[in-house]
């Protein structure tokens, strides 16, 4: 029951994935399986048998070597330990902060982390030890080590190659091979690069540009 908690501005894809990254860093390792809710940022299509993950979330799972098994819709017992953890954090963290005022998200998270450490170090009432002691003894040795390289956040989208053989990414236009005019491609964009894939093969790569309504064109053929 070793606990981690933090506050974020939103539940969008950026905050969702980076909360995972910070949690893995807090635990100093990653589990072999993660059981999340069916949040839209993580699960595109909930399903009892084969849920479809957001592709960025899938990239995170591959990077850390974890399996993602979302809880079944309306089955909170699939993640009962997490449900209990939420109640504990509400009582031990949120209740303690309810009358305090914060002027930045970083300031709030610093206060949350301080209370989380106290929660994990608090002795159990009905058994020996604490969450932190049992974590070091049982859980920490079972975790997978963190990857040597940091997770590179990237967003995916489907796009159709325009008649001018470019695709639109945040109002900037990137060239694709002219043979793909009218075809649907997969576009992977990071803070520095934009890559275009067709049928699983990368067919173009560009430096990311923030100039709206401009074009980046390179010679590429398939």
C-alpha atoms as a PDB file:
ATOM      1  CA  UNK A   1       0.000   0.000   0.000  1.00  0.00           C
ATOM      2  CA  UNK A   2       2.970   2.350  -0.503  1.00  0.00           C
ATOM      3  CA  UNK A   3       1.288   5.524  -1.743  1.00  0.00           C
ATOM      4  CA  UNK A   4       2.041   8.262  -4.249  1.00  0.00           C
ATOM      5  CA  UNK A   5      -0.199  11.238  -5.009  1.00  0.00           C
ATOM      6  CA  UNK A   6       0.071  14.488  -6.937  1.00  0.00           C
ATOM      7  CA  UNK A   7      -2.102  17.265  -8.336  1.00  0.00           C
ATOM      8  CA  UNK A   8      -2.346  18.174 -12.028  1.00  0.00           C
ATOM      9  CA  UNK A   9      -4.183  20.923 -13.867  1.00  0.00           C
ATOM     10  CA  UNK A  10      -6.048  18.515 -16.151  1.00  0.00           C
ATOM     11  CA  UNK A  11      -6.561  14.860 -16.995  1.00  0.00           C
ATOM     12  CA  UNK A  12      -5.353  15.294 -20.574  1.00  0.00           C
ATOM     13  CA  UNK A  13      -2.831  13.040 -22.300  1.00  0.00           C
ATOM     14  CA  UNK A  14       0.217  15.112 -21.291  1.00  0.00           C
ATOM     15  CA  UNK A  15      -0.688  15.161 -17.588  1.00  0.00           C
ATOM     16  CA  UNK A  16      -1.815  11.512 -17.620  1.00  0.00           C
ATOM     17  CA  UNK A  17       1.427  10.142 -19.071  1.00  0.00           C
ATOM     18  CA  UNK A  18       3.748  12.413 -17.097  1.00  0.00           C
ATOM     19  CA  UNK A  19       1.977  11.517 -13.847  1.00  0.00           C
ATOM     20  CA  UNK A  20       2.949   7.915 -14.619  1.00  0.00           C
ATOM     21  CA  UNK A  21       6.546   8.988 -15.244  1.00  0.00           C
ATOM     22  CA  UNK A  22       6.749  10.843 -11.922  1.00  0.00           C
ATOM     23  CA  UNK A  23       5.099   7.951 -10.081  1.00  0.00           C
ATOM     24  CA  UNK A  24       7.634   5.452 -11.473  1.00  0.00           C
ATOM     25  CA  UNK A  25      10.436   7.802 -10.429  1.00  0.00           C
ATOM     26  CA  UNK A  26       8.930   8.067  -6.928  1.00  0.00           C
ATOM     27  CA  UNK A  27       8.801   4.279  -6.639  1.00  0.00           C
ATOM     28  CA  UNK A  28      12.320   4.036  -8.174  1.00  0.00           C
ATOM     29  CA  UNK A  29      11.084   1.303 -10.485  1.00  0.00           C
ATOM     30  CA  UNK A  30       8.095   0.072 -12.446  1.00  0.00           C
ATOM     31  CA  UNK A  31       5.656  -2.737 -11.834  1.00  0.00           C
ATOM     32  CA  UNK A  32       4.981  -5.433 -14.418  1.00  0.00           C
ATOM     33  CA  UNK A  33       1.306  -4.483 -14.633  1.00  0.00           C
ATOM     34  CA  UNK A  34      -0.645  -1.226 -14.329  1.00  0.00           C
ATOM     35  CA  UNK A  35      -4.413  -1.290 -13.772  1.00  0.00           C
ATOM     36  CA  UNK A  36      -5.856   2.170 -14.582  1.00  0.00           C
ATOM     37  CA  UNK A  37      -9.369   3.507 -14.953  1.00  0.00           C
ATOM     38  CA  UNK A  38     -10.804   3.840 -18.448  1.00  0.00           C
ATOM     39  CA  UNK A  39      -9.811   7.495 -18.666  1.00  0.00           C
ATOM     40  CA  UNK A  40     -10.089   8.820 -22.242  1.00  0.00           C
ATOM     41  CA  UNK A  41      -6.464   9.964 -22.136  1.00  0.00           C
ATOM     42  CA  UNK A  42      -5.343   6.384 -21.591  1.00  0.00           C
ATOM     43  CA  UNK A  43      -8.020   4.153 -23.107  1.00  0.00           C
ATOM     44  CA  UNK A  44      -9.504   5.066 -26.479  1.00  0.00           C
ATOM     45  CA  UNK A  45     -12.095   2.282 -26.538  1.00  0.00           C
ATOM     46  CA  UNK A  46     -13.063   0.540 -23.274  1.00  0.00           C
ATOM     47  CA  UNK A  47     -13.793  -3.148 -23.685  1.00  0.00           C
ATOM     48  CA  UNK A  48     -14.260  -6.071 -21.316  1.00  0.00           C
ATOM     49  CA  UNK A  49     -11.830  -8.206 -23.295  1.00  0.00           C
ATOM     50  CA  UNK A  50      -9.555  -6.117 -25.545  1.00  0.00           C
ATOM     51  CA  UNK A  51      -9.559  -2.394 -24.655  1.00  0.00           C
ATOM     52  CA  UNK A  52      -7.840  -0.109 -27.157  1.00  0.00           C
ATOM     53  CA  UNK A  53      -5.137   2.033 -25.562  1.00  0.00           C
ATOM     54  CA  UNK A  54      -4.186   5.520 -26.616  1.00  0.00           C
ATOM     55  CA  UNK A  55      -1.052   5.086 -28.724  1.00  0.00           C
ATOM     56  CA  UNK A  56       1.035   7.466 -26.609  1.00  0.00           C
ATOM     57  CA  UNK A  57       0.031   5.551 -23.497  1.00  0.00           C
ATOM     58  CA  UNK A  58       1.044   2.365 -25.297  1.00  0.00           C
ATOM     59  CA  UNK A  59       4.448   3.905 -26.070  1.00  0.00           C
ATOM     60  CA  UNK A  60       4.892   4.642 -22.360  1.00  0.00           C
ATOM     61  CA  UNK A  61       4.058   1.019 -21.511  1.00  0.00           C
ATOM     62  CA  UNK A  62       6.651  -0.250 -23.994  1.00  0.00           C
ATOM     63  CA  UNK A  63       9.280   2.177 -22.703  1.00  0.00           C
ATOM     64  CA  UNK A  64       8.864   1.011 -19.097  1.00  0.00           C
ATOM     65  CA  UNK A  65       8.179  -2.625 -19.957  1.00  0.00           C
ATOM     66  CA  UNK A  66       4.794  -2.700 -18.219  1.00  0.00           C
ATOM     67  CA  UNK A  67       1.500  -4.268 -19.191  1.00  0.00           C
ATOM     68  CA  UNK A  68      -1.627  -2.096 -19.190  1.00  0.00           C
ATOM     69  CA  UNK A  69      -4.833  -3.842 -18.101  1.00  0.00           C
ATOM     70  CA  UNK A  70      -7.617  -1.269 -17.595  1.00  0.00           C
ATOM     71  CA  UNK A  71     -10.253  -2.122 -15.033  1.00  0.00           C
ATOM     72  CA  UNK A  72     -13.517  -3.274 -16.544  1.00  0.00           C
ATOM     73  CA  UNK A  73     -16.130  -0.515 -16.745  1.00  0.00           C
ATOM     74  CA  UNK A  74     -18.213  -0.378 -13.541  1.00  0.00           C
ATOM     75  CA  UNK A  75     -15.996  -2.948 -11.805  1.00  0.00           C
ATOM     76  CA  UNK A  76     -14.108  -0.974  -9.111  1.00  0.00           C
ATOM     77  CA  UNK A  77     -13.045  -4.230  -7.451  1.00  0.00           C
ATOM     78  CA  UNK A  78     -10.660  -4.782 -10.363  1.00  0.00           C
ATOM     79  CA  UNK A  79      -8.498  -2.122  -8.659  1.00  0.00           C
ATOM     80  CA  UNK A  80      -9.722  -2.372  -5.089  1.00  0.00           C
ATOM     81  CA  UNK A  81      -6.299  -1.512  -3.647  1.00  0.00           C
ATOM     82  CA  UNK A  82      -6.294   1.776  -5.582  1.00  0.00           C
ATOM     83  CA  UNK A  83      -9.837   2.618  -4.496  1.00  0.00           C
ATOM     84  CA  UNK A  84      -8.818   2.210  -0.843  1.00  0.00           C
ATOM     85  CA  UNK A  85      -5.687   4.271  -1.515  1.00  0.00           C
ATOM     86  CA  UNK A  86      -7.817   7.136  -2.854  1.00  0.00           C
ATOM     87  CA  UNK A  87      -9.860   7.157   0.363  1.00  0.00           C
ATOM     88  CA  UNK A  88      -6.701   7.176   2.472  1.00  0.00           C
ATOM     89  CA  UNK A  89      -5.220  10.093   0.502  1.00  0.00           C
ATOM     90  CA  UNK A  90      -8.470  12.038   0.818  1.00  0.00           C
ATOM     91  CA  UNK A  91      -8.318  11.698   4.612  1.00  0.00           C
ATOM     92  CA  UNK A  92      -4.570  12.018   5.197  1.00  0.00           C
ATOM     93  CA  UNK A  93      -3.663  14.560   2.496  1.00  0.00           C
ATOM     94  CA  UNK A  94      -6.610  16.469   1.053  1.00  0.00           C
ATOM     95  CA  UNK A  95      -8.316  16.955   4.409  1.00  0.00           C
ATOM     96  CA  UNK A  96      -5.091  18.308   5.916  1.00  0.00           C
ATOM     97  CA  UNK A  97      -4.724  20.838   3.082  1.00  0.00           C
ATOM     98  CA  UNK A  98      -8.332  21.919   2.711  1.00  0.00           C
ATOM     99  CA  UNK A  99      -7.865  25.273   4.504  1.00  0.00           C
ATOM    100  CA  UNK A 100      -4.488  26.159   3.011  1.00  0.00           C
ATOM    101  CA  UNK A 101      -4.041  28.443   0.017  1.00  0.00           C
ATOM    102  CA  UNK A 102      -1.465  27.796  -2.700  1.00  0.00           C
ATOM    103  CA  UNK A 103      -0.211  30.068  -5.449  1.00  0.00           C
ATOM    104  CA  UNK A 104       1.294  27.518  -7.834  1.00  0.00           C
ATOM    105  CA  UNK A 105       0.908  23.879  -8.734  1.00  0.00           C
ATOM    106  CA  UNK A 106       4.511  23.212  -7.693  1.00  0.00           C
ATOM    107  CA  UNK A 107       3.835  24.660  -4.240  1.00  0.00           C
ATOM    108  CA  UNK A 108       0.756  22.461  -3.856  1.00  0.00           C
ATOM    109  CA  UNK A 109       2.600  19.324  -4.949  1.00  0.00           C
ATOM    110  CA  UNK A 110       5.431  20.051  -2.528  1.00  0.00           C
ATOM    111  CA  UNK A 111       2.898  20.101   0.315  1.00  0.00           C
ATOM    112  CA  UNK A 112       1.211  16.934  -0.978  1.00  0.00           C
ATOM    113  CA  UNK A 113       4.519  15.086  -1.205  1.00  0.00           C
ATOM    114  CA  UNK A 114       5.420  16.052   2.378  1.00  0.00           C
ATOM    115  CA  UNK A 115       2.145  14.575   3.637  1.00  0.00           C
ATOM    116  CA  UNK A 116       2.541  11.489   1.451  1.00  0.00           C
ATOM    117  CA  UNK A 117       5.941  10.791   3.033  1.00  0.00           C
ATOM    118  CA  UNK A 118       4.365  11.146   6.487  1.00  0.00           C
ATOM    119  CA  UNK A 119       1.557   8.792   5.474  1.00  0.00           C
ATOM    120  CA  UNK A 120       3.992   6.158   4.234  1.00  0.00           C
ATOM    121  CA  UNK A 121       6.125   6.447   7.390  1.00  0.00           C
ATOM    122  CA  UNK A 122       3.155   6.253   9.782  1.00  0.00           C
ATOM    123  CA  UNK A 123       3.170   2.994  11.810  1.00  0.00           C
ATOM    124  CA  UNK A 124       0.321   0.570  11.171  1.00  0.00           C
ATOM    125  CA  UNK A 125      -2.269   0.226  13.918  1.00  0.00           C
ATOM    126  CA  UNK A 126      -2.841  -3.521  13.739  1.00  0.00           C
ATOM    127  CA  UNK A 127       0.500  -4.827  12.527  1.00  0.00           C
ATOM    128  CA  UNK A 128       4.188  -4.063  12.846  1.00  0.00           C
ATOM    129  CA  UNK A 129       5.976  -1.651  10.546  1.00  0.00           C
ATOM    130  CA  UNK A 130       4.791   0.997   8.116  1.00  0.00           C
ATOM    131  CA  UNK A 131       4.040   1.312   4.414  1.00  0.00           C
ATOM    132  CA  UNK A 132       7.562   2.562   3.765  1.00  0.00           C
ATOM    133  CA  UNK A 133       9.201  -0.316   5.673  1.00  0.00           C
ATOM    134  CA  UNK A 134       7.150  -3.003   3.944  1.00  0.00           C
ATOM    135  CA  UNK A 135       7.762  -1.318   0.581  1.00  0.00           C
ATOM    136  CA  UNK A 136      11.534  -1.495   1.073  1.00  0.00           C
ATOM    137  CA  UNK A 137      11.285  -5.095   2.248  1.00  0.00           C
ATOM    138  CA  UNK A 138       8.757  -6.580  -0.189  1.00  0.00           C
ATOM    139  CA  UNK A 139       7.847  -4.318  -3.098  1.00  0.00           C
ATOM    140  CA  UNK A 140      11.043  -2.482  -4.008  1.00  0.00           C
ATOM    141  CA  UNK A 141      13.061  -5.682  -4.721  1.00  0.00           C
ATOM    142  CA  UNK A 142      10.276  -6.916  -7.039  1.00  0.00           C
ATOM    143  CA  UNK A 143      10.147  -3.789  -9.224  1.00  0.00           C
ATOM    144  CA  UNK A 144      11.708  -3.542 -12.644  1.00  0.00           C
ATOM    145  CA  UNK A 145      14.575  -1.042 -12.943  1.00  0.00           C
ATOM    146  CA  UNK A 146      13.852   2.249 -14.649  1.00  0.00           C
ATOM    147  CA  UNK A 147      15.060   2.607 -18.267  1.00  0.00           C
ATOM    148  CA  UNK A 148      18.383   4.330 -18.793  1.00  0.00           C
ATOM    149  CA  UNK A 149      16.811   6.896 -21.156  1.00  0.00           C
ATOM    150  CA  UNK A 150      13.933   9.187 -20.144  1.00  0.00           C
ATOM    151  CA  UNK A 151      10.529   8.700 -21.719  1.00  0.00           C
ATOM    152  CA  UNK A 152      10.121  10.763 -24.909  1.00  0.00           C
ATOM    153  CA  UNK A 153       6.563  12.067 -25.004  1.00  0.00           C
ATOM    154  CA  UNK A 154       5.009  11.880 -28.471  1.00  0.00           C
ATOM    155  CA  UNK A 155       1.479  12.320 -29.759  1.00  0.00           C
ATOM    156  CA  UNK A 156       0.004  10.324 -32.645  1.00  0.00           C
ATOM    157  CA  UNK A 157      -2.672  11.329 -35.141  1.00  0.00           C
ATOM    158  CA  UNK A 158      -4.157  10.036 -38.360  1.00  0.00           C
ATOM    159  CA  UNK A 159      -3.926  12.445 -41.281  1.00  0.00           C
ATOM    160  CA  UNK A 160      -4.641  12.440 -44.990  1.00  0.00           C
ATOM    161  CA  UNK A 161      -1.915  13.668 -47.328  1.00  0.00           C
ATOM    162  CA  UNK A 162      -3.173  16.771 -49.158  1.00  0.00           C
ATOM    163  CA  UNK A 163      -2.928  17.439 -52.888  1.00  0.00           C
ATOM    164  CA  UNK A 164       0.233  19.454 -52.232  1.00  0.00           C
ATOM    165  CA  UNK A 165       1.666  16.268 -50.552  1.00  0.00           C
ATOM    166  CA  UNK A 166       1.765  17.890 -47.064  1.00  0.00           C
ATOM    167  CA  UNK A 167       0.025  17.036 -43.798  1.00  0.00           C
ATOM    168  CA  UNK A 168      -1.198  19.489 -41.175  1.00  0.00           C
ATOM    169  CA  UNK A 169       0.243  19.303 -37.639  1.00  0.00           C
ATOM    170  CA  UNK A 170      -0.789  22.196 -35.364  1.00  0.00           C
ATOM    171  CA  UNK A 171      -1.289  24.509 -38.361  1.00  0.00           C
ATOM    172  CA  UNK A 172       2.149  23.814 -39.831  1.00  0.00           C
ATOM    173  CA  UNK A 173       2.489  21.706 -42.971  1.00  0.00           C
ATOM    174  CA  UNK A 174       5.020  18.885 -43.376  1.00  0.00           C
ATOM    175  CA  UNK A 175       5.799  17.143 -46.639  1.00  0.00           C
ATOM    176  CA  UNK A 176       5.245  13.458 -47.340  1.00  0.00           C
ATOM    177  CA  UNK A 177       6.235  11.459 -50.431  1.00  0.00           C
ATOM    178  CA  UNK A 178       4.100  12.661 -53.359  1.00  0.00           C
ATOM    179  CA  UNK A 179       3.005   9.079 -54.093  1.00  0.00           C
ATOM    180  CA  UNK A 180       0.905   9.217 -50.904  1.00  0.00           C
ATOM    181  CA  UNK A 181      -1.397  12.040 -52.002  1.00  0.00           C
ATOM    182  CA  UNK A 182      -4.881  11.182 -50.764  1.00  0.00           C
ATOM    183  CA  UNK A 183      -3.627   8.360 -48.528  1.00  0.00           C
ATOM    184  CA  UNK A 184      -4.055   8.169 -44.751  1.00  0.00           C
ATOM    185  CA  UNK A 185      -0.825   8.194 -42.748  1.00  0.00           C
ATOM    186  CA  UNK A 186       0.172   8.070 -39.088  1.00  0.00           C
ATOM    187  CA  UNK A 187       1.939  11.177 -37.749  1.00  0.00           C
ATOM    188  CA  UNK A 188       4.115  11.027 -34.639  1.00  0.00           C
ATOM    189  CA  UNK A 189       5.083  14.412 -33.198  1.00  0.00           C
ATOM    190  CA  UNK A 190       7.397  15.246 -30.309  1.00  0.00           C
ATOM    191  CA  UNK A 191       8.607  18.630 -29.095  1.00  0.00           C
ATOM    192  CA  UNK A 192      11.459  18.454 -31.629  1.00  0.00           C
ATOM    193  CA  UNK A 193      10.435  16.188 -34.506  1.00  0.00           C
ATOM    194  CA  UNK A 194       7.530  15.195 -36.742  1.00  0.00           C
ATOM    195  CA  UNK A 195       7.601  11.732 -38.319  1.00  0.00           C
ATOM    196  CA  UNK A 196       5.210  10.377 -40.939  1.00  0.00           C
ATOM    197  CA  UNK A 197       4.475   6.648 -41.199  1.00  0.00           C
ATOM    198  CA  UNK A 198       2.657   4.717 -43.904  1.00  0.00           C
ATOM    199  CA  UNK A 199       1.665   1.106 -43.260  1.00  0.00           C
ATOM    200  CA  UNK A 200       4.045   0.981 -40.297  1.00  0.00           C
ATOM    201  CA  UNK A 201       7.058   2.318 -42.255  1.00  0.00           C
ATOM    202  CA  UNK A 202       8.537   5.749 -41.634  1.00  0.00           C
ATOM    203  CA  UNK A 203       8.450   7.678 -44.902  1.00  0.00           C
ATOM    204  CA  UNK A 204       9.395  11.217 -43.757  1.00  0.00           C
ATOM    205  CA  UNK A 205      11.019  12.966 -40.805  1.00  0.00           C
ATOM    206  CA  UNK A 206      11.100  16.700 -40.071  1.00  0.00           C
ATOM    207  CA  UNK A 207      12.318  19.113 -37.447  1.00  0.00           C
ATOM    208  CA  UNK A 208       9.307  20.487 -35.533  1.00  0.00           C
ATOM    209  CA  UNK A 209       8.332  24.036 -36.474  1.00  0.00           C
ATOM    210  CA  UNK A 210       6.063  26.447 -34.564  1.00  0.00           C
ATOM    211  CA  UNK A 211       5.432  28.767 -37.529  1.00  0.00           C
ATOM    212  CA  UNK A 212       1.708  28.746 -38.229  1.00  0.00           C
ATOM    213  CA  UNK A 213       0.507  28.330 -41.828  1.00  0.00           C
ATOM    214  CA  UNK A 214       4.031  27.731 -43.126  1.00  0.00           C
ATOM    215  CA  UNK A 215       5.422  24.607 -44.791  1.00  0.00           C
ATOM    216  CA  UNK A 216       8.447  22.392 -44.219  1.00  0.00           C
ATOM    217  CA  UNK A 217       9.345  20.493 -47.363  1.00  0.00           C
ATOM    218  CA  UNK A 218      12.057  17.905 -47.960  1.00  0.00           C
ATOM    219  CA  UNK A 219      12.651  15.579 -50.883  1.00  0.00           C
ATOM    220  CA  UNK A 220      11.371  12.089 -50.081  1.00  0.00           C
ATOM    221  CA  UNK A 221      10.118   9.187 -52.158  1.00  0.00           C
ATOM    222  CA  UNK A 222       8.943   5.658 -51.486  1.00  0.00           C
END
